N, C-alpha and C. Protein backbone atom coordinates (compact mmCIF):
# COMPACT_ATOMS: atom_id res chain seq x y z
N MET A 1 77.05 107.79 116.39
CA MET A 1 76.72 107.13 115.30
C MET A 1 75.29 106.22 115.67
N ALA A 2 74.51 106.67 114.46
CA ALA A 2 73.03 105.94 114.69
C ALA A 2 73.00 104.48 114.30
N PRO A 3 72.19 103.91 115.33
CA PRO A 3 72.21 102.34 115.05
C PRO A 3 71.45 102.06 113.59
N LEU A 4 71.93 100.86 113.43
CA LEU A 4 71.51 100.29 112.11
C LEU A 4 70.11 100.00 111.86
N SER A 5 69.38 100.04 110.82
CA SER A 5 68.06 99.72 110.97
C SER A 5 67.81 98.43 111.17
N ALA A 6 66.79 97.63 111.46
CA ALA A 6 66.80 96.31 111.62
C ALA A 6 67.06 95.47 110.50
N ARG A 7 66.46 95.85 109.46
CA ARG A 7 66.85 95.06 108.16
C ARG A 7 68.50 94.92 107.87
N LEU A 8 69.14 96.37 108.12
CA LEU A 8 70.64 96.12 107.73
C LEU A 8 71.23 95.09 108.88
N GLN A 9 70.67 95.36 110.07
CA GLN A 9 71.29 94.60 111.30
C GLN A 9 71.09 93.38 110.80
N MET A 10 70.14 92.82 110.36
CA MET A 10 69.76 91.16 110.08
C MET A 10 70.73 90.88 108.77
N ILE A 11 71.10 92.01 108.08
CA ILE A 11 72.14 91.46 106.81
C ILE A 11 73.34 91.65 107.47
N VAL A 12 73.82 92.45 108.10
CA VAL A 12 75.37 92.36 108.92
C VAL A 12 75.57 91.17 109.57
N ASP A 13 74.41 90.82 110.48
CA ASP A 13 74.37 89.73 111.21
C ASP A 13 74.72 88.45 110.45
N ALA A 14 74.35 88.21 109.36
CA ALA A 14 74.03 87.18 108.47
C ALA A 14 75.44 86.81 107.58
N LEU A 15 76.25 87.96 107.42
CA LEU A 15 77.28 87.90 106.78
C LEU A 15 78.32 87.05 107.51
N PRO A 16 79.30 86.08 106.96
CA PRO A 16 80.19 85.47 107.45
C PRO A 16 81.46 86.01 107.63
N LEU A 17 81.35 86.86 108.48
CA LEU A 17 82.60 88.01 108.99
C LEU A 17 83.39 87.60 110.08
N ARG A 18 84.61 87.80 109.83
CA ARG A 18 85.64 87.29 110.99
C ARG A 18 86.73 88.54 111.07
N PRO A 19 87.43 88.55 112.16
CA PRO A 19 88.14 89.69 112.40
C PRO A 19 89.47 89.37 111.47
N GLY A 20 90.18 90.77 110.56
CA GLY A 20 91.11 90.47 109.85
C GLY A 20 90.58 90.40 108.27
N MET A 21 89.46 90.31 108.15
CA MET A 21 88.88 90.09 106.43
C MET A 21 89.07 91.42 105.89
N ARG A 22 89.03 91.32 104.51
CA ARG A 22 88.99 92.50 103.70
C ARG A 22 87.78 92.22 102.68
N VAL A 23 86.80 93.40 103.19
CA VAL A 23 85.46 93.58 102.49
C VAL A 23 85.26 94.67 101.89
N LEU A 24 84.41 94.17 100.63
CA LEU A 24 83.80 95.31 99.78
C LEU A 24 82.52 95.28 99.84
N GLU A 25 82.01 96.49 100.37
CA GLU A 25 80.61 96.67 100.23
C GLU A 25 80.42 97.69 99.07
N ILE A 26 79.19 97.16 98.29
CA ILE A 26 79.05 97.98 96.84
C ILE A 26 77.37 98.41 97.01
N GLY A 27 77.52 99.98 96.70
CA GLY A 27 76.18 100.69 97.01
C GLY A 27 76.01 100.83 98.38
N CYS A 28 77.25 101.61 98.98
CA CYS A 28 77.35 101.68 100.36
C CYS A 28 76.31 102.77 100.90
N GLY A 29 75.57 103.66 99.99
CA GLY A 29 74.80 104.82 100.64
C GLY A 29 75.63 105.64 101.60
N PRO A 30 75.27 105.90 102.83
CA PRO A 30 75.64 106.52 103.92
C PRO A 30 76.63 105.98 104.53
N GLY A 31 76.62 104.71 104.29
CA GLY A 31 78.03 104.07 104.82
C GLY A 31 77.77 103.51 106.35
N ALA A 32 76.45 103.04 106.63
CA ALA A 32 75.92 102.69 107.73
C ALA A 32 76.35 101.34 108.04
N ALA A 33 76.21 100.40 106.99
CA ALA A 33 76.43 98.93 106.99
C ALA A 33 78.07 98.80 106.90
N ALA A 34 78.71 99.68 106.18
CA ALA A 34 80.09 99.51 106.08
C ALA A 34 80.71 99.81 107.55
N ARG A 35 80.32 100.81 108.30
CA ARG A 35 80.82 101.17 109.34
C ARG A 35 80.57 99.85 110.54
N ALA A 36 79.55 99.40 110.58
CA ALA A 36 79.16 98.43 111.16
C ALA A 36 79.84 96.81 110.92
N VAL A 37 80.25 96.79 109.62
CA VAL A 37 81.30 95.67 109.07
C VAL A 37 82.66 95.88 109.80
N ALA A 38 82.93 97.12 109.74
CA ALA A 38 84.18 97.66 110.05
C ALA A 38 84.61 97.19 111.19
N GLU A 39 83.70 97.46 112.23
CA GLU A 39 83.88 97.34 113.66
C GLU A 39 83.68 95.59 113.95
N ARG A 40 83.00 94.94 113.32
CA ARG A 40 83.11 93.45 113.37
C ARG A 40 84.29 92.93 113.01
N ILE A 41 85.05 93.47 112.00
CA ILE A 41 86.00 92.64 111.37
C ILE A 41 87.63 93.35 111.93
N HIS A 42 87.42 94.26 112.76
CA HIS A 42 88.63 94.81 113.04
C HIS A 42 89.80 94.00 113.66
N PRO A 43 90.74 93.88 113.20
CA PRO A 43 91.50 95.00 112.44
C PRO A 43 91.58 94.60 111.09
N GLY A 44 90.43 94.34 110.45
CA GLY A 44 90.51 94.04 109.08
C GLY A 44 90.30 95.21 108.38
N PHE A 45 89.62 95.31 106.94
CA PHE A 45 89.44 96.34 106.01
C PHE A 45 88.11 96.40 105.45
N VAL A 46 87.54 97.48 105.55
CA VAL A 46 86.56 97.72 104.36
C VAL A 46 86.49 98.72 103.51
N LEU A 47 86.30 98.33 102.00
CA LEU A 47 86.31 99.45 101.15
C LEU A 47 84.71 99.10 100.65
N ALA A 48 84.22 100.67 100.79
CA ALA A 48 82.89 100.82 100.69
C ALA A 48 82.45 101.64 99.28
N ILE A 49 81.78 101.28 98.19
CA ILE A 49 81.94 101.96 96.96
C ILE A 49 80.41 102.48 96.81
N ASP A 50 80.29 103.48 95.97
CA ASP A 50 78.91 103.90 95.38
C ASP A 50 79.32 104.67 94.40
N ARG A 51 77.98 104.70 93.32
CA ARG A 51 78.24 105.25 92.12
C ARG A 51 77.99 106.86 92.37
N SER A 52 77.22 107.14 93.28
CA SER A 52 76.96 108.53 93.65
C SER A 52 77.88 109.31 94.54
N ALA A 53 78.43 110.40 94.07
CA ALA A 53 79.15 111.33 94.95
C ALA A 53 78.64 111.92 96.01
N LYS A 54 77.43 111.93 96.03
CA LYS A 54 76.56 112.67 97.06
C LYS A 54 76.56 111.53 98.09
N ALA A 55 76.27 110.17 97.86
CA ALA A 55 76.35 109.16 98.70
C ALA A 55 77.65 108.96 99.45
N ILE A 56 78.80 108.97 98.62
CA ILE A 56 80.33 109.00 99.07
C ILE A 56 80.43 110.14 99.99
N ASP A 57 79.98 111.68 99.97
CA ASP A 57 80.50 112.33 100.78
C ASP A 57 79.69 112.23 101.96
N ALA A 58 78.39 111.74 101.88
CA ALA A 58 77.63 111.51 103.02
C ALA A 58 78.27 110.35 103.78
N ALA A 59 78.60 109.40 103.51
CA ALA A 59 79.55 108.31 103.99
C ALA A 59 80.65 108.87 104.84
N ILE A 60 81.45 109.60 104.02
CA ILE A 60 82.55 110.19 104.81
C ILE A 60 82.22 110.83 105.92
N ALA A 61 81.28 112.06 105.77
CA ALA A 61 80.70 112.94 106.68
C ALA A 61 80.22 112.22 108.26
N ALA A 62 79.53 111.00 107.85
CA ALA A 62 78.92 110.06 108.72
C ALA A 62 79.95 109.50 109.44
N SER A 63 81.24 109.31 108.90
CA SER A 63 82.28 108.48 109.70
C SER A 63 83.43 109.19 109.96
N SER A 64 83.08 110.46 110.10
CA SER A 64 84.36 111.21 110.36
C SER A 64 84.68 110.95 111.88
N THR A 65 83.84 110.73 112.88
CA THR A 65 84.22 110.53 114.13
C THR A 65 84.67 109.07 114.59
N VAL A 66 84.42 108.29 113.41
CA VAL A 66 84.80 106.76 113.82
C VAL A 66 86.30 106.76 113.11
N ALA A 67 87.05 105.86 113.97
CA ALA A 67 88.55 105.56 113.55
C ALA A 67 88.43 104.73 112.21
N ARG A 68 88.70 105.49 111.47
CA ARG A 68 88.57 104.89 110.24
C ARG A 68 89.95 104.17 109.32
N THR A 69 90.67 103.92 110.22
CA THR A 69 91.90 103.32 109.48
C THR A 69 91.59 102.03 108.81
N GLY A 70 90.48 101.22 109.12
CA GLY A 70 90.07 100.06 108.57
C GLY A 70 88.76 100.35 107.52
N LEU A 71 88.53 101.57 107.14
CA LEU A 71 87.56 101.70 106.35
C LEU A 71 87.70 102.99 105.50
N ARG A 72 87.49 102.53 104.25
CA ARG A 72 87.40 103.72 102.88
C ARG A 72 86.48 103.69 102.40
N PHE A 73 86.23 104.87 101.59
CA PHE A 73 85.27 105.01 100.70
C PHE A 73 85.69 105.43 99.23
N ARG A 74 85.05 105.18 98.18
CA ARG A 74 85.44 105.29 96.67
C ARG A 74 84.17 105.53 96.05
N GLN A 75 84.16 106.53 95.11
CA GLN A 75 83.16 106.75 94.08
C GLN A 75 83.50 105.95 92.96
N VAL A 76 82.90 104.88 92.79
CA VAL A 76 82.87 104.19 91.22
C VAL A 76 81.71 103.40 91.45
N ALA A 77 81.19 103.14 90.12
CA ALA A 77 79.93 102.15 89.95
C ALA A 77 80.39 100.69 90.17
N ALA A 78 79.62 99.79 90.35
CA ALA A 78 80.16 98.18 90.66
C ALA A 78 80.75 97.83 89.20
N GLU A 79 80.12 98.14 88.05
CA GLU A 79 80.54 97.58 86.76
C GLU A 79 81.63 98.17 86.26
N ASP A 80 82.47 99.43 87.25
CA ASP A 80 83.53 99.84 86.54
C ASP A 80 84.58 99.80 87.74
N PHE A 81 84.35 98.77 88.77
CA PHE A 81 85.25 98.81 89.85
C PHE A 81 86.46 97.98 89.60
N ARG A 82 87.61 98.41 89.84
CA ARG A 82 88.84 97.36 89.68
C ARG A 82 89.66 97.66 90.96
N LEU A 83 90.39 96.69 91.42
CA LEU A 83 91.36 96.85 92.05
C LEU A 83 92.54 97.88 91.64
N GLU A 84 93.09 98.76 92.70
CA GLU A 84 93.90 99.77 92.18
C GLU A 84 95.27 99.04 92.42
N ASP A 85 96.28 99.79 91.69
CA ASP A 85 97.60 99.20 91.94
C ASP A 85 98.21 98.86 93.05
N GLY A 86 98.43 97.67 93.37
CA GLY A 86 98.77 97.11 94.90
C GLY A 86 97.81 97.02 95.89
N GLU A 87 96.56 97.30 95.36
CA GLU A 87 95.42 96.82 96.24
C GLU A 87 95.21 95.25 96.44
N GLU A 88 95.18 94.81 97.46
CA GLU A 88 94.91 93.43 97.99
C GLU A 88 93.64 93.07 97.29
N SER A 89 92.97 91.80 97.11
CA SER A 89 92.03 91.60 96.84
C SER A 89 91.00 91.17 98.01
N PHE A 90 89.80 90.94 97.74
CA PHE A 90 89.06 90.91 99.03
C PHE A 90 88.40 89.69 99.38
N ASP A 91 88.12 89.14 100.53
CA ASP A 91 87.62 88.04 100.98
C ASP A 91 86.13 87.94 101.00
N LEU A 92 85.33 89.23 100.58
CA LEU A 92 83.93 88.94 100.66
C LEU A 92 83.38 90.38 100.13
N ALA A 93 82.27 90.24 99.31
CA ALA A 93 81.79 91.56 98.79
C ALA A 93 80.07 91.34 99.24
N PHE A 94 79.70 92.55 99.48
CA PHE A 94 78.35 92.65 99.89
C PHE A 94 77.54 93.55 99.43
N ALA A 95 76.34 93.50 98.95
CA ALA A 95 75.43 94.58 98.42
C ALA A 95 73.82 94.50 98.78
N VAL A 96 73.55 95.48 98.95
CA VAL A 96 72.08 95.81 99.67
C VAL A 96 71.16 96.67 98.72
N ARG A 97 70.21 96.34 98.13
CA ARG A 97 69.44 97.31 96.96
C ARG A 97 70.01 97.80 96.16
N VAL A 98 71.01 96.84 95.30
CA VAL A 98 71.77 97.39 94.21
C VAL A 98 71.09 96.77 93.12
N GLY A 99 70.80 97.82 92.01
CA GLY A 99 70.04 97.24 90.80
C GLY A 99 70.71 96.51 89.88
N ALA A 100 72.01 96.38 89.97
CA ALA A 100 72.97 95.69 89.20
C ALA A 100 72.73 94.09 89.55
N PHE A 101 72.33 93.84 90.93
CA PHE A 101 72.37 92.47 91.31
C PHE A 101 70.89 92.12 91.69
N ASP A 102 69.92 92.66 91.71
CA ASP A 102 68.47 92.19 91.97
C ASP A 102 67.70 92.18 90.65
N GLY A 103 68.27 92.39 89.44
CA GLY A 103 67.56 91.95 88.27
C GLY A 103 67.03 93.50 87.42
N ARG A 104 67.01 94.58 88.19
CA ARG A 104 66.76 95.64 87.57
C ARG A 104 67.61 96.14 86.44
N HIS A 105 68.91 96.07 86.40
CA HIS A 105 69.85 96.14 85.24
C HIS A 105 70.79 95.03 84.91
N PRO A 106 70.27 94.13 84.42
CA PRO A 106 70.86 92.99 84.06
C PRO A 106 72.42 93.29 83.34
N GLU A 107 72.49 94.23 82.40
CA GLU A 107 73.75 94.26 81.84
C GLU A 107 74.73 94.83 82.57
N SER A 108 74.40 95.72 83.85
CA SER A 108 75.27 96.45 84.50
C SER A 108 75.76 95.17 85.44
N GLY A 109 74.69 94.31 85.75
CA GLY A 109 75.08 92.99 86.62
C GLY A 109 75.92 92.15 86.16
N ARG A 110 75.94 91.72 84.65
CA ARG A 110 76.94 90.92 84.02
C ARG A 110 78.33 91.44 84.24
N LYS A 111 78.30 92.93 83.83
CA LYS A 111 79.61 93.55 84.32
C LYS A 111 80.22 93.69 85.47
N ALA A 112 79.54 93.89 86.35
CA ALA A 112 79.80 94.05 87.78
C ALA A 112 80.07 92.41 88.34
N LYS A 113 79.45 91.58 87.80
CA LYS A 113 80.01 90.49 88.51
C LYS A 113 81.34 89.91 87.80
N ALA A 114 81.78 90.19 86.73
CA ALA A 114 83.15 90.05 86.17
C ALA A 114 84.14 91.01 86.59
N ARG A 115 84.04 92.12 87.16
CA ARG A 115 84.80 92.89 87.79
C ARG A 115 84.98 92.35 89.25
N LEU A 116 83.88 91.91 89.96
CA LEU A 116 84.13 91.28 91.34
C LEU A 116 84.91 89.94 91.27
N LYS A 117 84.71 89.28 90.41
CA LYS A 117 85.33 88.10 90.18
C LYS A 117 86.91 88.45 90.05
N GLU A 118 87.48 89.50 89.66
CA GLU A 118 88.67 89.74 89.59
C GLU A 118 88.93 90.45 90.69
N ALA A 119 88.27 90.91 91.47
CA ALA A 119 88.56 91.87 92.69
C ALA A 119 88.64 90.84 94.02
N LEU A 120 87.82 89.58 93.93
CA LEU A 120 87.82 88.61 95.07
C LEU A 120 88.78 87.36 95.04
N LYS A 121 89.12 87.10 96.14
CA LYS A 121 90.21 86.10 96.39
C LYS A 121 89.43 84.97 95.69
N PRO A 122 90.26 83.98 95.49
CA PRO A 122 89.49 82.76 94.64
C PRO A 122 88.40 81.98 95.49
N ASP A 123 88.49 81.97 96.74
CA ASP A 123 87.35 81.48 97.35
C ASP A 123 86.40 82.69 98.04
N GLY A 124 86.55 84.00 97.49
CA GLY A 124 85.66 85.19 97.89
C GLY A 124 84.27 84.59 97.58
N ALA A 125 83.56 85.45 98.21
CA ALA A 125 81.92 85.35 97.78
C ALA A 125 81.23 86.65 97.51
N LEU A 126 80.11 86.74 97.10
CA LEU A 126 79.30 87.93 96.80
C LEU A 126 78.06 87.42 97.60
N TYR A 127 77.73 88.53 98.34
CA TYR A 127 76.24 88.12 99.28
C TYR A 127 75.64 89.32 98.85
N ILE A 128 74.27 89.23 98.57
CA ILE A 128 73.17 90.15 98.28
C ILE A 128 71.95 90.12 99.02
N ASP A 129 71.18 91.10 99.35
CA ASP A 129 69.79 90.88 99.98
C ASP A 129 68.77 90.22 99.24
N GLY A 130 67.82 89.75 99.77
CA GLY A 130 66.95 89.12 99.07
C GLY A 130 66.62 87.48 99.39
N GLY A 131 67.50 87.27 100.13
CA GLY A 131 67.48 85.79 100.74
C GLY A 131 66.99 85.93 102.16
N ASP A 132 67.27 84.93 102.97
CA ASP A 132 66.88 85.12 104.25
C ASP A 132 67.89 85.41 105.51
N PRO A 133 68.15 86.48 105.59
CA PRO A 133 68.01 87.81 104.56
C PRO A 133 68.98 88.06 103.53
N ILE A 134 70.12 86.98 103.25
CA ILE A 134 70.81 87.25 102.43
C ILE A 134 71.20 85.99 101.69
N ARG A 135 71.85 86.04 100.29
CA ARG A 135 71.78 84.94 99.57
C ARG A 135 73.43 84.84 98.86
N ARG A 136 74.16 83.92 98.89
CA ARG A 136 75.50 84.05 98.20
C ARG A 136 74.93 83.81 96.52
N ILE A 137 75.77 84.90 95.96
CA ILE A 137 75.83 84.79 94.17
C ILE A 137 76.87 84.10 93.49
N ASP A 138 76.54 83.15 92.75
CA ASP A 138 77.74 82.37 92.26
C ASP A 138 78.07 83.40 91.16
N LEU A 139 79.44 83.75 91.08
CA LEU A 139 80.28 84.78 90.16
C LEU A 139 80.87 83.84 88.67
N ASP A 140 80.46 82.48 88.84
CA ASP A 140 80.75 81.82 87.76
C ASP A 140 79.78 81.55 86.86
N ALA A 141 78.48 81.92 87.36
CA ALA A 141 77.31 81.61 86.30
C ALA A 141 77.00 82.58 85.49
């Protein structure tokens, strides 16, 4: 498994992760950050989503040698994400370079925030890049 880029490493290091958490990554691309987070929160669980089938296929392929019991991938856009029947809510969500959260797609962002509010535990949080190196987003705003 290739090491994380310096930027992704800084973001993963800044997330308030602890073992046993349930984490949702939005816009996972090839899954590098999801794999790093899964290692940090073991025996926790990471669900990594992306709207692109190509990205999800690449993430699964790149993760095939990783013990993935605590890591799953799902093709879905952030604004369409919903917990599946019986799926537990998440402690934390994070997104890196996702247009719904960086202002490029404000309507998608509004819908995605509503979906995340439903998917996160009451004290759950969304973190995005663009801070130093991340910032927490208020889902009630």
